[in-house]
Structures are given as C-alpha cells and as structure tokens.
Amino acid sequence: MKLSGDRNQCCGCHEFFNSSAAFDKHRHGDFGKDRRCRTIDEMRAKGMDKNAAGYWVTALNPMNYPMASSHELPAGWELIG
C-alpha cells in the first residue's frame, strides 16, 4: 500500500491508517503503562472501519456507499429522512 500525505502504518500491529486521527484512535491505554493497539473487533466497536482503498478510518463516510435499501446498511446504521 502506498503511504502518502497523512497515511501511515503502525509499527506495532502493521495495520494501515488513512490519517493520524485514525491511527491515534486505534491506540489504547496510558503512555508508559499499558499502551497498545486495539484489536480489529475493538476498532470496529469504536466505529472504525476500512475504506474502499483498504485503510482504516475513524468512521466510514455514508456518502461513499450508495444503498438501495435499509437491509444493506452496515451494522448500527439506519436510514433517516
């Protein structure tokens, strides 16, 4: 994967992140004590997911995912309006 701009890769878990904000969100614990990478399940529980390019993001942009009906929504999403 190509790292450019604010994209980065964690040297601990080797996952790729679309921004420093996404990278920071995947870290958990106190510095110097128990700081660690969140598991994939923990990242998803925090609303994170991988974008179409395969990078972890803080949250998916629903405008990038046209959907025909509510049964196609990602878990926890709902149609409004």
C-alpha atoms as a PDB file:
ATOM      1  CA  MET A   1       0.000   0.000   0.000  1.00  0.00           C
ATOM      2  CA  LYS A   2       1.209   3.489  -0.775  1.00  0.00           C
ATOM      3  CA  LEU A   3       1.861   5.818   2.151  1.00  0.00           C
ATOM      4  CA  SER A   4       1.498   9.474   1.229  1.00  0.00           C
ATOM      5  CA  GLY A   5       0.086  12.581   2.827  1.00  0.00           C
ATOM      6  CA  ASP A   6      -1.210  11.739   6.303  1.00  0.00           C
ATOM      7  CA  ARG A   7      -1.495   7.973   5.673  1.00  0.00           C
ATOM      8  CA  ASN A   8       0.629   5.778   7.904  1.00  0.00           C
ATOM      9  CA  GLN A   9       1.306   2.243   9.076  1.00  0.00           C
ATOM     10  CA  CYS A  10       1.534   1.160  12.712  1.00  0.00           C
ATOM     11  CA  CYS A  11       4.855  -0.492  13.539  1.00  0.00           C
ATOM     12  CA  GLY A  12       3.111  -2.470  16.312  1.00  0.00           C
ATOM     13  CA  CYS A  13       0.160  -4.129  14.565  1.00  0.00           C
ATOM     14  CA  HIS A  14       1.226  -3.340  10.956  1.00  0.00           C
ATOM     15  CA  GLU A  15      -2.268  -2.045  10.021  1.00  0.00           C
ATOM     16  CA  PHE A  16      -2.569   0.893   7.594  1.00  0.00           C
ATOM     17  CA  PHE A  17      -4.386   4.118   8.573  1.00  0.00           C
ATOM     18  CA  ASN A  18      -5.813   6.858   6.380  1.00  0.00           C
ATOM     19  CA  SER A  19      -4.937   9.621   8.873  1.00  0.00           C
ATOM     20  CA  SER A  20      -3.134  10.396  12.104  1.00  0.00           C
ATOM     21  CA  ALA A  21      -6.564  10.719  13.748  1.00  0.00           C
ATOM     22  CA  ALA A  22      -7.430   7.131  12.760  1.00  0.00           C
ATOM     23  CA  PHE A  23      -4.023   5.944  13.961  1.00  0.00           C
ATOM     24  CA  ASP A  24      -4.464   7.731  17.304  1.00  0.00           C
ATOM     25  CA  LYS A  25      -7.974   6.296  17.704  1.00  0.00           C
ATOM     26  CA  HIS A  26      -6.626   2.740  17.320  1.00  0.00           C
ATOM     27  CA  ARG A  27      -4.227   3.165  20.252  1.00  0.00           C
ATOM     28  CA  HIS A  28      -5.478   2.460  23.765  1.00  0.00           C
ATOM     29  CA  GLY A  29      -4.167   2.755  27.314  1.00  0.00           C
ATOM     30  CA  ASP A  30      -1.844   5.024  29.220  1.00  0.00           C
ATOM     31  CA  PHE A  31       1.574   6.046  27.926  1.00  0.00           C
ATOM     32  CA  GLY A  32       4.365   4.217  29.743  1.00  0.00           C
ATOM     33  CA  LYS A  33       1.934   1.746  31.338  1.00  0.00           C
ATOM     34  CA  ASP A  34      -0.360  -0.315  29.166  1.00  0.00           C
ATOM     35  CA  ARG A  35      -0.430   1.481  25.787  1.00  0.00           C
ATOM     36  CA  ARG A  36      -1.340  -0.925  22.987  1.00  0.00           C
ATOM     37  CA  CYS A  37      -3.066  -1.312  19.636  1.00  0.00           C
ATOM     38  CA  ARG A  38      -6.780  -2.046  19.708  1.00  0.00           C
ATOM     39  CA  THR A  39      -7.870  -5.342  18.180  1.00  0.00           C
ATOM     40  CA  ILE A  40      -9.878  -5.294  14.957  1.00  0.00           C
ATOM     41  CA  ASP A  41     -13.044  -6.026  16.960  1.00  0.00           C
ATOM     42  CA  GLU A  42     -12.236  -3.155  19.349  1.00  0.00           C
ATOM     43  CA  MET A  43     -11.625  -0.748  16.448  1.00  0.00           C
ATOM     44  CA  ARG A  44     -14.938  -1.706  14.848  1.00  0.00           C
ATOM     45  CA  ALA A  45     -16.700  -1.281  18.209  1.00  0.00           C
ATOM     46  CA  LYS A  46     -15.334   2.296  18.241  1.00  0.00           C
ATOM     47  CA  GLY A  47     -16.899   2.939  14.829  1.00  0.00           C
ATOM     48  CA  MET A  48     -13.721   2.482  12.795  1.00  0.00           C
ATOM     49  CA  ASP A  49     -13.648   0.548   9.537  1.00  0.00           C
ATOM     50  CA  LYS A  50     -11.566   0.155   6.406  1.00  0.00           C
ATOM     51  CA  ASN A  51     -12.312   2.417   3.457  1.00  0.00           C
ATOM     52  CA  ALA A  52     -12.527   1.232  -0.156  1.00  0.00           C
ATOM     53  CA  ALA A  53      -8.743   1.633  -0.506  1.00  0.00           C
ATOM     54  CA  GLY A  54      -8.105  -0.671   2.474  1.00  0.00           C
ATOM     55  CA  TYR A  55      -7.006   1.946   5.019  1.00  0.00           C
ATOM     56  CA  TRP A  56      -8.532   2.140   8.499  1.00  0.00           C
ATOM     57  CA  VAL A  57     -10.557   5.334   9.013  1.00  0.00           C
ATOM     58  CA  THR A  58     -12.193   6.820  12.108  1.00  0.00           C
ATOM     59  CA  ALA A  59     -15.625   6.163  10.531  1.00  0.00           C
ATOM     60  CA  LEU A  60     -16.933   5.372   7.063  1.00  0.00           C
ATOM     61  CA  ASN A  61     -18.489   8.220   5.105  1.00  0.00           C
ATOM     62  CA  PRO A  62     -22.028   7.076   4.223  1.00  0.00           C
ATOM     63  CA  MET A  63     -21.985   9.334   1.142  1.00  0.00           C
ATOM     64  CA  ASN A  64     -19.400   6.968  -0.395  1.00  0.00           C
ATOM     65  CA  TYR A  65     -21.695   3.946  -0.094  1.00  0.00           C
ATOM     66  CA  PRO A  66     -24.925   4.269  -2.099  1.00  0.00           C
ATOM     67  CA  MET A  67     -27.517   1.792  -0.870  1.00  0.00           C
ATOM     68  CA  ALA A  68     -30.765   0.545  -2.324  1.00  0.00           C
ATOM     69  CA  SER A  69     -32.471  -0.380   0.943  1.00  0.00           C
ATOM     70  CA  SER A  70     -32.052  -0.425   4.703  1.00  0.00           C
ATOM     71  CA  HIS A  71     -31.156  -4.151   4.775  1.00  0.00           C
ATOM     72  CA  GLU A  72     -27.875  -3.258   3.018  1.00  0.00           C
ATOM     73  CA  LEU A  73     -26.766  -0.807   5.723  1.00  0.00           C
ATOM     74  CA  PRO A  74     -23.689  -1.606   7.820  1.00  0.00           C
ATOM     75  CA  ALA A  75     -24.459  -2.804  11.347  1.00  0.00           C
ATOM     76  CA  GLY A  76     -25.680   0.011  13.590  1.00  0.00           C
ATOM     77  CA  TRP A  77     -26.704   2.349  10.733  1.00  0.00           C
ATOM     78  CA  GLU A  78     -30.234   3.376   9.868  1.00  0.00           C
ATOM     79  CA  LEU A  79     -31.880   5.322   7.059  1.00  0.00           C
ATOM     80  CA  ILE A  80     -33.389   8.655   8.066  1.00  0.00           C
ATOM     81  CA  GLY A  81     -35.451  11.082   6.107  1.00  0.00           C
END
